[in-house]
């Protein structure tokens, strides 16, 4: 992403949030979930990918494709299970969605 320009204010804000999360490691409630929304094609995805790259942290970039809720949940579960995220085994062991999926809880990794 060598062509990433600007958004210094947003990168700094995300960095502050990451520093807070790092400071909470080992406490009762470490971590955060960050949701980002805005008009389409304004750079939310590029900002997210650039931040994760600069911060050198594990990450998973998931975008819902507009399928049914069951299909989206199944794909999210599989993407997490097949990622390099710490704790991904929790998702790999979770029952699949929809409930008609493989009974062994095996994740279907995308290529």
Protein backbone atom coordinates (compact mmCIF):
# COMPACT_ATOMS: atom_id res chain seq x y z
CA UNK A 1 0.00 0.00 0.00
CA UNK A 2 2.72 2.43 -0.91
CA UNK A 3 0.20 4.85 -2.45
CA UNK A 4 -1.63 5.51 0.83
CA UNK A 5 -1.75 9.30 1.36
CA UNK A 6 -3.24 11.36 4.15
CA UNK A 7 -5.61 10.19 6.89
CA UNK A 8 -2.95 10.90 9.53
CA UNK A 9 -5.63 12.03 12.00
CA UNK A 10 -7.56 8.78 11.58
CA UNK A 11 -4.40 6.62 11.81
CA UNK A 12 -3.44 8.47 15.02
CA UNK A 13 -6.89 7.82 16.50
CA UNK A 14 -6.69 4.13 15.69
CA UNK A 15 -3.19 4.01 17.16
CA UNK A 16 -4.46 5.54 20.41
CA UNK A 17 -7.19 2.89 20.60
CA UNK A 18 -4.65 0.14 19.97
CA UNK A 19 -2.42 1.54 22.71
CA UNK A 20 -5.40 1.43 25.11
CA UNK A 21 -6.05 -2.20 24.20
CA UNK A 22 -2.38 -3.08 24.72
CA UNK A 23 -2.53 -1.37 28.13
CA UNK A 24 -5.52 -3.51 29.12
CA UNK A 25 -3.87 -6.85 28.40
CA UNK A 26 -4.14 -8.96 31.52
CA UNK A 27 -7.10 -7.03 32.92
CA UNK A 28 -10.66 -8.30 33.31
CA UNK A 29 -11.86 -6.73 30.05
CA UNK A 30 -9.07 -6.49 27.48
CA UNK A 31 -9.79 -5.76 23.86
CA UNK A 32 -12.22 -3.73 21.82
CA UNK A 33 -14.47 -4.15 18.84
CA UNK A 34 -14.34 -1.27 16.42
CA UNK A 35 -17.05 -0.75 13.85
CA UNK A 36 -16.49 1.67 11.01
CA UNK A 37 -19.14 3.00 8.71
CA UNK A 38 -19.49 5.73 6.16
CA UNK A 39 -20.41 6.46 2.59
CA UNK A 40 -19.15 3.96 0.08
CA UNK A 41 -15.84 4.49 -1.69
CA UNK A 42 -14.39 7.00 0.79
CA UNK A 43 -11.50 4.77 1.88
CA UNK A 44 -12.68 2.85 4.94
CA UNK A 45 -11.16 -0.41 3.68
CA UNK A 46 -7.89 1.23 2.63
CA UNK A 47 -7.62 3.00 6.01
CA UNK A 48 -8.22 -0.26 7.88
CA UNK A 49 -5.74 -2.25 5.82
CA UNK A 50 -3.09 0.47 6.10
CA UNK A 51 -3.52 0.73 9.87
CA UNK A 52 -3.19 -3.03 10.39
CA UNK A 53 -0.11 -3.05 8.15
CA UNK A 54 1.54 -0.14 10.00
CA UNK A 55 0.64 -1.46 13.46
CA UNK A 56 1.96 -4.92 12.58
CA UNK A 57 -0.87 -6.66 14.40
CA UNK A 58 -2.82 -9.78 13.46
CA UNK A 59 -5.99 -8.90 11.68
CA UNK A 60 -8.86 -10.26 9.68
CA UNK A 61 -10.53 -8.17 7.03
CA UNK A 62 -14.08 -9.40 6.48
CA UNK A 63 -16.70 -7.78 4.30
CA UNK A 64 -20.23 -9.11 4.22
CA UNK A 65 -21.34 -9.98 0.71
CA UNK A 66 -25.07 -9.46 1.14
CA UNK A 67 -25.96 -13.14 1.49
CA UNK A 68 -28.36 -14.52 4.09
CA UNK A 69 -27.50 -14.00 7.74
CA UNK A 70 -26.77 -17.72 8.14
CA UNK A 71 -24.41 -17.71 5.15
CA UNK A 72 -22.63 -14.55 6.35
CA UNK A 73 -22.16 -15.99 9.85
CA UNK A 74 -20.87 -19.25 8.40
CA UNK A 75 -18.36 -17.44 6.22
CA UNK A 76 -17.23 -15.19 9.08
CA UNK A 77 -16.74 -18.20 11.35
CA UNK A 78 -14.72 -20.00 8.69
CA UNK A 79 -12.63 -16.92 7.86
CA UNK A 80 -11.74 -16.41 11.53
CA UNK A 81 -10.97 -20.11 12.00
CA UNK A 82 -8.67 -20.09 8.95
CA UNK A 83 -6.92 -16.83 9.88
CA UNK A 84 -3.74 -16.20 11.84
CA UNK A 85 -5.64 -14.48 14.66
CA UNK A 86 -4.81 -15.56 18.19
CA UNK A 87 -7.67 -17.54 19.67
CA UNK A 88 -8.94 -18.66 16.28
CA UNK A 89 -9.38 -22.19 17.63
CA UNK A 90 -12.44 -20.96 19.52
CA UNK A 91 -14.15 -20.23 16.22
CA UNK A 92 -12.87 -23.43 14.65
CA UNK A 93 -14.58 -25.37 17.45
CA UNK A 94 -17.84 -23.39 17.24
CA UNK A 95 -20.82 -25.05 15.62
CA UNK A 96 -21.22 -24.02 11.99
CA UNK A 97 -23.99 -21.81 10.62
CA UNK A 98 -26.44 -22.68 9.36
CA UNK A 99 -26.99 -25.62 11.65
CA UNK A 100 -27.17 -27.87 8.60
CA UNK A 101 -23.39 -27.53 8.08
CA UNK A 102 -20.84 -30.26 8.75
CA UNK A 103 -21.53 -31.94 12.10
CA UNK A 104 -17.83 -32.00 13.03
CA UNK A 105 -17.51 -28.20 13.15
CA UNK A 106 -14.85 -28.24 10.41
CA UNK A 107 -14.14 -24.82 8.95
CA UNK A 108 -14.25 -24.35 5.19
CA UNK A 109 -11.20 -22.21 4.39
CA UNK A 110 -11.25 -20.04 1.27
CA UNK A 111 -8.25 -20.13 -0.99
